Amino acid sequence: MKILSVDIEISNVFDLRPGEDIDKYAPFDVAIAATQIAGGEHRLWYSPGPNDRPLPNLDRQRAKELLQYLDRMQQEGYAVCAWNGLSFDLRWIARAADDVPTASRIARAMYDPMYQFYKLKGFPVSLAAVGEAMKTTTKKTMDAADAPREWRDGDYQRVCDYVLGDVRMTNEIVSAISRARAISWVTQRGRRSTVPLPRLRSVQECIRDPMPDQSWMDRPIPDKKFTGWLTS
C-alpha cells in the first residue's frame, strides 16, 4: 500500500469552547496544506504574495492544483489518507478550489481512519490520542487552535513545521494500523483502548456501513455531519 497523507490548517481565528461544535464557525478558509508520501517527498501548498510571503488564504488556483495532484496520485495507485479528512480537510479544500465534484470523488476514494473508527464506535477520536496510544515518533508541536493565530501573526515556519508533522503522524498511524490490524487510542480517562481493524477501508466503503448504537450518547454526531457536503 503506497500511502500519501494530506492535512490542512485553516486561517480563521476563533475561540472554541470545550464541547462546542467547530462547525458553528464555518465556513473555513485554508491557510496551508501539506502532503507527504510515506518514506518519500513532502510538499507544502500555500499561495505566495509579495516577496514570496504567504497570503492569508490558499487561493483558488493553488487549491485546484492541490486537488489535481491528489486526483493524479490516486489514479497512480497511491492511497490518499487524511485524519478526519472527509469532514474537514477535503471539505474545505473543495470550497477553496470551488470544485466540490472533484473533491467529493477524491474523498470517497481516500482512506480516513478517523471516519472508519467513527462508523465502528459512533464517536470521533483525535489524531493526538491515537498517536499517543500507537507510540508514533512524531508528536504534536502545538494545539491546532494556535495555528491560525501563528499564521496571521507571520510565524509561517512554525505552522509549516506543524502541518508537516501532522501528515507525518498520519502516515505513521496508517502504517501502524495496517501492521497491527487494530487501532488504539488514549481515552478521555487516560486509559489505552483498542479495537480490531482488520483492514483499512475507503470512505465509500465505510459510508455504506450501518451506524453503531449511539443511544447512550447525550449528543450523538450524525453521519451527515461527515458526508453532507459530498456530491453523489
C-alpha atoms as a PDB file:
ATOM      1  CA  MET A   1       0.000   0.000   0.000  1.00  0.00           C
ATOM      2  CA  LYS A   2       1.591   3.262  -1.164  1.00  0.00           C
ATOM      3  CA  ILE A   3       0.494   5.913   1.320  1.00  0.00           C
ATOM      4  CA  LEU A   4       0.172   9.648   0.731  1.00  0.00           C
ATOM      5  CA  SER A   5      -1.309  11.770   3.506  1.00  0.00           C
ATOM      6  CA  VAL A   6      -2.750  15.272   3.352  1.00  0.00           C
ATOM      7  CA  ASP A   7      -3.546  17.790   6.077  1.00  0.00           C
ATOM      8  CA  ILE A   8      -4.673  21.425   6.155  1.00  0.00           C
ATOM      9  CA  GLU A   9      -4.569  24.301   8.589  1.00  0.00           C
ATOM     10  CA  ILE A  10      -7.230  26.990   8.471  1.00  0.00           C
ATOM     11  CA  SER A  11      -6.680  30.724   8.793  1.00  0.00           C
ATOM     12  CA  ASN A  12      -9.866  31.549  10.714  1.00  0.00           C
ATOM     13  CA  VAL A  13      -9.208  32.742  14.265  1.00  0.00           C
ATOM     14  CA  PHE A  14     -11.808  31.978  16.935  1.00  0.00           C
ATOM     15  CA  ASP A  15     -12.009  30.612  20.471  1.00  0.00           C
ATOM     16  CA  LEU A  16     -13.589  27.164  20.585  1.00  0.00           C
ATOM     17  CA  ARG A  17     -15.064  26.399  23.985  1.00  0.00           C
ATOM     18  CA  PRO A  18     -14.922  22.845  25.410  1.00  0.00           C
ATOM     19  CA  GLY A  19     -17.632  20.719  23.841  1.00  0.00           C
ATOM     20  CA  GLU A  20     -18.516  23.380  21.273  1.00  0.00           C
ATOM     21  CA  ASP A  21     -19.145  22.302  17.678  1.00  0.00           C
ATOM     22  CA  ILE A  22     -16.438  23.759  15.426  1.00  0.00           C
ATOM     23  CA  ASP A  23     -18.891  23.920  12.525  1.00  0.00           C
ATOM     24  CA  LYS A  24     -20.541  26.810  14.336  1.00  0.00           C
ATOM     25  CA  TYR A  25     -17.684  28.945  12.956  1.00  0.00           C
ATOM     26  CA  ALA A  26     -17.754  27.510   9.418  1.00  0.00           C
ATOM     27  CA  PRO A  27     -17.175  28.042   6.557  1.00  0.00           C
ATOM     28  CA  PHE A  28     -13.399  27.938   6.870  1.00  0.00           C
ATOM     29  CA  ASP A  29     -10.564  29.284   4.750  1.00  0.00           C
ATOM     30  CA  VAL A  30      -7.484  27.161   4.117  1.00  0.00           C
ATOM     31  CA  ALA A  31      -4.201  28.794   5.104  1.00  0.00           C
ATOM     32  CA  ILE A  32      -1.832  25.994   4.092  1.00  0.00           C
ATOM     33  CA  ALA A  33      -1.864  22.301   3.237  1.00  0.00           C
ATOM     34  CA  ALA A  34       0.817  19.647   3.342  1.00  0.00           C
ATOM     35  CA  THR A  35       1.155  16.336   1.553  1.00  0.00           C
ATOM     36  CA  GLN A  36       3.720  13.621   2.098  1.00  0.00           C
ATOM     37  CA  ILE A  37       4.365  10.253   0.542  1.00  0.00           C
ATOM     38  CA  ALA A  38       5.234   7.815   3.318  1.00  0.00           C
ATOM     39  CA  GLY A  39       9.010   7.486   3.250  1.00  0.00           C
ATOM     40  CA  GLY A  40       9.236   9.984   0.402  1.00  0.00           C
ATOM     41  CA  GLU A  41       8.786  13.579  -0.664  1.00  0.00           C
ATOM     42  CA  HIS A  42       6.651  16.185   1.063  1.00  0.00           C
ATOM     43  CA  ARG A  43       5.079  19.302  -0.397  1.00  0.00           C
ATOM     44  CA  LEU A  44       3.650  22.464   1.115  1.00  0.00           C
ATOM     45  CA  TRP A  45       0.687  24.144  -0.556  1.00  0.00           C
ATOM     46  CA  TYR A  46       0.142  27.852   0.069  1.00  0.00           C
ATOM     47  CA  SER A  47      -0.300  30.957  -2.038  1.00  0.00           C
ATOM     48  CA  PRO A  48       2.746  33.266  -2.175  1.00  0.00           C
ATOM     49  CA  GLY A  49       2.227  37.006  -2.058  1.00  0.00           C
ATOM     50  CA  PRO A  50       4.666  39.935  -2.302  1.00  0.00           C
ATOM     51  CA  ASN A  51       8.274  38.983  -1.509  1.00  0.00           C
ATOM     52  CA  ASP A  52       7.100  35.343  -1.529  1.00  0.00           C
ATOM     53  CA  ARG A  53       5.449  35.809   1.866  1.00  0.00           C
ATOM     54  CA  PRO A  54       2.409  33.547   2.140  1.00  0.00           C
ATOM     55  CA  LEU A  55      -1.007  35.094   1.655  1.00  0.00           C
ATOM     56  CA  PRO A  56      -3.533  34.609   4.477  1.00  0.00           C
ATOM     57  CA  ASN A  57      -5.546  32.106   2.422  1.00  0.00           C
ATOM     58  CA  LEU A  58      -4.925  29.477  -0.219  1.00  0.00           C
ATOM     59  CA  ASP A  59      -6.227  30.946  -3.481  1.00  0.00           C
ATOM     60  CA  ARG A  60      -8.484  29.136  -5.913  1.00  0.00           C
ATOM     61  CA  GLN A  61      -5.767  28.254  -8.431  1.00  0.00           C
ATOM     62  CA  ARG A  62      -3.430  26.755  -5.844  1.00  0.00           C
ATOM     63  CA  ALA A  63      -6.301  24.817  -4.261  1.00  0.00           C
ATOM     64  CA  LYS A  64      -7.204  23.428  -7.686  1.00  0.00           C
ATOM     65  CA  GLU A  65      -3.585  22.370  -8.186  1.00  0.00           C
ATOM     66  CA  LEU A  66      -3.733  20.501  -4.885  1.00  0.00           C
ATOM     67  CA  LEU A  67      -6.903  18.677  -5.915  1.00  0.00           C
ATOM     68  CA  GLN A  68      -5.363  17.799  -9.277  1.00  0.00           C
ATOM     69  CA  TYR A  69      -2.291  16.418  -7.513  1.00  0.00           C
ATOM     70  CA  LEU A  70      -4.364  14.261  -5.141  1.00  0.00           C
ATOM     71  CA  ASP A  71      -6.517  13.051  -8.027  1.00  0.00           C
ATOM     72  CA  ARG A  72      -3.475  12.119 -10.086  1.00  0.00           C
ATOM     73  CA  MET A  73      -1.795  10.316  -7.207  1.00  0.00           C
ATOM     74  CA  GLN A  74      -4.923   8.264  -6.542  1.00  0.00           C
ATOM     75  CA  GLN A  75      -5.007   7.271 -10.204  1.00  0.00           C
ATOM     76  CA  GLU A  76      -1.357   6.222  -9.935  1.00  0.00           C
ATOM     77  CA  GLY A  77      -2.239   3.822  -7.133  1.00  0.00           C
ATOM     78  CA  TYR A  78      -1.473   5.846  -4.018  1.00  0.00           C
ATOM     79  CA  ALA A  79      -3.753   5.506  -1.010  1.00  0.00           C
ATOM     80  CA  VAL A  80      -4.574   9.122  -0.210  1.00  0.00           C
ATOM     81  CA  CYS A  81      -5.166   9.369   3.545  1.00  0.00           C
ATOM     82  CA  ALA A  82      -6.333  12.121   5.870  1.00  0.00           C
ATOM     83  CA  TRP A  83      -7.297  12.075   9.526  1.00  0.00           C
ATOM     84  CA  ASN A  84     -10.873  13.365   9.643  1.00  0.00           C
ATOM     85  CA  GLY A  85     -10.267  14.347   6.040  1.00  0.00           C
ATOM     86  CA  LEU A  86     -13.836  13.595   4.999  1.00  0.00           C
ATOM     87  CA  SER A  87     -15.422  16.029   7.422  1.00  0.00           C
ATOM     88  CA  PHE A  88     -12.670  18.634   7.373  1.00  0.00           C
ATOM     89  CA  ASP A  89      -9.686  18.674   5.022  1.00  0.00           C
ATOM     90  CA  LEU A  90     -11.284  17.708   1.713  1.00  0.00           C
ATOM     91  CA  ARG A  91     -14.430  19.661   2.503  1.00  0.00           C
ATOM     92  CA  TRP A  92     -12.563  22.946   2.886  1.00  0.00           C
ATOM     93  CA  ILE A  93     -10.135  22.294   0.048  1.00  0.00           C
ATOM     94  CA  ALA A  94     -13.258  21.823  -2.079  1.00  0.00           C
ATOM     95  CA  ARG A  95     -14.515  25.240  -1.040  1.00  0.00           C
ATOM     96  CA  ALA A  96     -11.145  26.912  -1.639  1.00  0.00           C
ATOM     97  CA  ALA A  97     -10.933  25.371  -5.113  1.00  0.00           C
ATOM     98  CA  ASP A  98     -14.620  25.922  -5.862  1.00  0.00           C
ATOM     99  CA  ASP A  99     -14.703  22.309  -7.048  1.00  0.00           C
ATOM    100  CA  VAL A 100     -16.902  20.103  -4.893  1.00  0.00           C
ATOM    101  CA  PRO A 101     -17.315  17.340  -7.533  1.00  0.00           C
ATOM    102  CA  THR A 102     -13.574  16.663  -7.818  1.00  0.00           C
ATOM    103  CA  ALA A 103     -13.043  16.881  -4.054  1.00  0.00           C
ATOM    104  CA  SER A 104     -16.005  14.541  -3.485  1.00  0.00           C
ATOM    105  CA  ARG A 105     -14.565  11.947  -5.856  1.00  0.00           C
ATOM    106  CA  ILE A 106     -11.197  12.099  -4.102  1.00  0.00           C
ATOM    107  CA  ALA A 107     -12.823  11.974  -0.663  1.00  0.00           C
ATOM    108  CA  ARG A 108     -14.913   8.907  -1.478  1.00  0.00           C
ATOM    109  CA  ALA A 109     -11.843   7.021  -2.721  1.00  0.00           C
ATOM    110  CA  MET A 110      -9.497   8.084   0.088  1.00  0.00           C
ATOM    111  CA  TYR A 111      -8.818   6.429   3.440  1.00  0.00           C
ATOM    112  CA  ASP A 112      -9.915   8.268   6.558  1.00  0.00           C
ATOM    113  CA  PRO A 113      -9.129   6.077   9.586  1.00  0.00           C
ATOM    114  CA  MET A 114     -10.962   8.517  11.851  1.00  0.00           C
ATOM    115  CA  TYR A 115     -14.183   8.141   9.857  1.00  0.00           C
ATOM    116  CA  GLN A 116     -13.745   4.363   9.792  1.00  0.00           C
ATOM    117  CA  PHE A 117     -13.360   4.453  13.589  1.00  0.00           C
ATOM    118  CA  TYR A 118     -16.468   6.642  13.904  1.00  0.00           C
ATOM    119  CA  LYS A 119     -18.526   4.162  11.885  1.00  0.00           C
ATOM    120  CA  LEU A 120     -17.393   1.443  14.311  1.00  0.00           C
ATOM    121  CA  LYS A 121     -17.759   3.277  17.621  1.00  0.00           C
ATOM    122  CA  GLY A 122     -20.154   6.155  16.909  1.00  0.00           C
ATOM    123  CA  PHE A 123     -17.813   8.897  18.160  1.00  0.00           C
ATOM    124  CA  PRO A 124     -14.664  10.595  16.825  1.00  0.00           C
ATOM    125  CA  VAL A 125     -11.121  10.281  18.115  1.00  0.00           C
ATOM    126  CA  SER A 126      -8.257  12.734  17.783  1.00  0.00           C
ATOM    127  CA  LEU A 127      -5.017  12.229  15.891  1.00  0.00           C
ATOM    128  CA  ALA A 128      -3.083  13.009  19.081  1.00  0.00           C
ATOM    129  CA  ALA A 129      -4.965  10.378  21.125  1.00  0.00           C
ATOM    130  CA  VAL A 130      -4.242   7.689  18.547  1.00  0.00           C
ATOM    131  CA  GLY A 131      -0.663   8.808  18.031  1.00  0.00           C
ATOM    132  CA  GLU A 132      -0.006   8.578  21.774  1.00  0.00           C
ATOM    133  CA  ALA A 133      -1.501   5.100  22.076  1.00  0.00           C
ATOM    134  CA  MET A 134       0.223   3.774  18.970  1.00  0.00           C
ATOM    135  CA  LYS A 135       3.514   5.362  20.023  1.00  0.00           C
ATOM    136  CA  THR A 136       4.288   7.364  16.897  1.00  0.00           C
ATOM    137  CA  THR A 137       7.693   9.005  16.788  1.00  0.00           C
ATOM    138  CA  THR A 138       6.133  12.242  15.506  1.00  0.00           C
ATOM    139  CA  LYS A 139       4.409  14.317  18.190  1.00  0.00           C
ATOM    140  CA  LYS A 140       2.122  17.327  18.111  1.00  0.00           C
ATOM    141  CA  THR A 141       4.109  20.569  18.301  1.00  0.00           C
ATOM    142  CA  MET A 142       1.214  22.917  19.054  1.00  0.00           C
ATOM    143  CA  ASP A 143      -2.516  22.988  19.578  1.00  0.00           C
ATOM    144  CA  ALA A 144      -4.483  23.128  16.326  1.00  0.00           C
ATOM    145  CA  ALA A 145      -6.315  26.226  17.597  1.00  0.00           C
ATOM    146  CA  ASP A 146      -2.999  28.107  17.760  1.00  0.00           C
ATOM    147  CA  ALA A 147      -2.068  27.560  14.111  1.00  0.00           C
ATOM    148  CA  PRO A 148      -4.404  30.228  12.634  1.00  0.00           C
ATOM    149  CA  ARG A 149      -3.081  32.831  15.070  1.00  0.00           C
ATOM    150  CA  GLU A 150       0.524  31.922  14.327  1.00  0.00           C
ATOM    151  CA  TRP A 151      -0.186  32.132  10.580  1.00  0.00           C
ATOM    152  CA  ARG A 152      -1.892  35.514  10.884  1.00  0.00           C
ATOM    153  CA  ASP A 153       0.981  36.775  13.028  1.00  0.00           C
ATOM    154  CA  GLY A 154       3.503  35.802  10.357  1.00  0.00           C
ATOM    155  CA  ASP A 155       5.118  32.838  12.132  1.00  0.00           C
ATOM    156  CA  TYR A 156       4.893  30.847   8.923  1.00  0.00           C
ATOM    157  CA  GLN A 157       7.716  28.410   9.603  1.00  0.00           C
ATOM    158  CA  ARG A 158       6.173  27.185  12.841  1.00  0.00           C
ATOM    159  CA  VAL A 159       2.879  26.483  11.091  1.00  0.00           C
ATOM    160  CA  CYS A 160       4.696  24.789   8.209  1.00  0.00           C
ATOM    161  CA  ASP A 161       6.503  22.530  10.667  1.00  0.00           C
ATOM    162  CA  TYR A 162       3.226  21.794  12.443  1.00  0.00           C
ATOM    163  CA  VAL A 163       1.228  20.817   9.347  1.00  0.00           C
ATOM    164  CA  LEU A 164       4.110  18.679   8.100  1.00  0.00           C
ATOM    165  CA  GLY A 165       4.206  16.986  11.481  1.00  0.00           C
ATOM    166  CA  ASP A 166       0.540  16.097  11.175  1.00  0.00           C
ATOM    167  CA  VAL A 167       0.942  14.444   7.762  1.00  0.00           C
ATOM    168  CA  ARG A 168       3.946  12.515   9.047  1.00  0.00           C
ATOM    169  CA  MET A 169       1.956  11.388  12.065  1.00  0.00           C
ATOM    170  CA  THR A 170      -0.929  10.346   9.821  1.00  0.00           C
ATOM    171  CA  ASN A 171       1.446   8.287   7.684  1.00  0.00           C
ATOM    172  CA  GLU A 172       2.862   6.627  10.800  1.00  0.00           C
ATOM    173  CA  ILE A 173      -0.588   5.856  12.177  1.00  0.00           C
ATOM    174  CA  VAL A 174      -1.889   4.445   8.889  1.00  0.00           C
ATOM    175  CA  SER A 175       1.165   2.172   8.680  1.00  0.00           C
ATOM    176  CA  ALA A 176       0.784   1.132  12.343  1.00  0.00           C
ATOM    177  CA  ILE A 177      -2.901   0.306  11.900  1.00  0.00           C
ATOM    178  CA  SER A 178      -2.112  -1.782   8.821  1.00  0.00           C
ATOM    179  CA  ARG A 179       0.546  -3.739  10.729  1.00  0.00           C
ATOM    180  CA  ALA A 180      -1.468  -4.231  13.917  1.00  0.00           C
ATOM    181  CA  ARG A 181      -4.825  -4.703  12.170  1.00  0.00           C
ATOM    182  CA  ALA A 182      -6.212  -2.651  15.030  1.00  0.00           C
ATOM    183  CA  ILE A 183      -6.480   0.939  16.167  1.00  0.00           C
ATOM    184  CA  SER A 184      -5.568   2.099  19.672  1.00  0.00           C
ATOM    185  CA  TRP A 185      -6.275   5.389  21.367  1.00  0.00           C
ATOM    186  CA  VAL A 186      -5.958   7.054  24.756  1.00  0.00           C
ATOM    187  CA  THR A 187      -9.431   7.653  26.182  1.00  0.00           C
ATOM    188  CA  GLN A 188     -10.541  10.834  27.939  1.00  0.00           C
ATOM    189  CA  ARG A 189      -9.914   8.983  31.207  1.00  0.00           C
ATOM    190  CA  GLY A 190      -6.317   8.386  30.208  1.00  0.00           C
ATOM    191  CA  ARG A 191      -6.670   4.683  29.506  1.00  0.00           C
ATOM    192  CA  ARG A 192      -5.445   2.881  26.413  1.00  0.00           C
ATOM    193  CA  SER A 193      -8.169   1.176  24.415  1.00  0.00           C
ATOM    194  CA  THR A 194      -8.024  -0.899  21.239  1.00  0.00           C
ATOM    195  CA  VAL A 195     -10.495  -2.170  18.642  1.00  0.00           C
ATOM    196  CA  PRO A 196      -9.758  -4.540  15.759  1.00  0.00           C
ATOM    197  CA  LEU A 197      -9.443  -3.018  12.316  1.00  0.00           C
ATOM    198  CA  PRO A 198      -8.693  -5.956  10.007  1.00  0.00           C
ATOM    199  CA  ARG A 199      -8.033  -3.657   7.069  1.00  0.00           C
ATOM    200  CA  LEU A 200      -8.253  -0.014   6.150  1.00  0.00           C
ATOM    201  CA  ARG A 201     -11.363   0.672   4.104  1.00  0.00           C
ATOM    202  CA  SER A 202     -12.123   3.536   1.761  1.00  0.00           C
ATOM    203  CA  VAL A 203     -14.542   6.269   2.742  1.00  0.00           C
ATOM    204  CA  GLN A 204     -17.046   4.961   0.190  1.00  0.00           C
ATOM    205  CA  GLU A 205     -16.952   1.504   1.769  1.00  0.00           C
ATOM    206  CA  CYS A 206     -17.452   2.995   5.233  1.00  0.00           C
ATOM    207  CA  ILE A 207     -20.342   5.189   4.095  1.00  0.00           C
ATOM    208  CA  ARG A 208     -22.289   2.028   3.249  1.00  0.00           C
ATOM    209  CA  ASP A 209     -21.876   0.648   6.793  1.00  0.00           C
ATOM    210  CA  PRO A 210     -24.775   0.978   9.225  1.00  0.00           C
ATOM    211  CA  MET A 211     -24.331   3.309  12.166  1.00  0.00           C
ATOM    212  CA  PRO A 212     -23.409   1.783  15.537  1.00  0.00           C
ATOM    213  CA  ASP A 213     -25.597   2.267  18.599  1.00  0.00           C
ATOM    214  CA  GLN A 214     -25.444   5.898  19.734  1.00  0.00           C
ATOM    215  CA  SER A 215     -28.409   5.756  22.125  1.00  0.00           C
ATOM    216  CA  TRP A 216     -26.109   6.039  25.145  1.00  0.00           C
ATOM    217  CA  MET A 217     -24.705   9.399  23.983  1.00  0.00           C
ATOM    218  CA  ASP A 218     -26.014  12.764  25.169  1.00  0.00           C
ATOM    219  CA  ARG A 219     -25.063  14.467  21.887  1.00  0.00           C
ATOM    220  CA  PRO A 220     -24.561  11.851  19.169  1.00  0.00           C
ATOM    221  CA  ILE A 221     -22.886  13.046  15.982  1.00  0.00           C
ATOM    222  CA  PRO A 222     -24.941  12.179  12.877  1.00  0.00           C
ATOM    223  CA  ASP A 223     -23.257  10.677   9.841  1.00  0.00           C
ATOM    224  CA  LYS A 224     -24.424  13.588   7.673  1.00  0.00           C
ATOM    225  CA  LYS A 225     -22.011  15.838   9.597  1.00  0.00           C
ATOM    226  CA  PHE A 226     -19.232  13.987   7.748  1.00  0.00           C
ATOM    227  CA  THR A 227     -20.897  13.254   4.436  1.00  0.00           C
ATOM    228  CA  GLY A 228     -23.374  16.120   3.972  1.00  0.00           C
ATOM    229  CA  TRP A 229     -21.116  18.163   1.696  1.00  0.00           C
ATOM    230  CA  LEU A 230     -20.436  15.364  -0.800  1.00  0.00           C
ATOM    231  CA  THR A 231     -21.934  15.286  -4.254  1.00  0.00           C
ATOM    232  CA  SER A 232     -23.407  11.990  -5.404  1.00  0.00           C
END
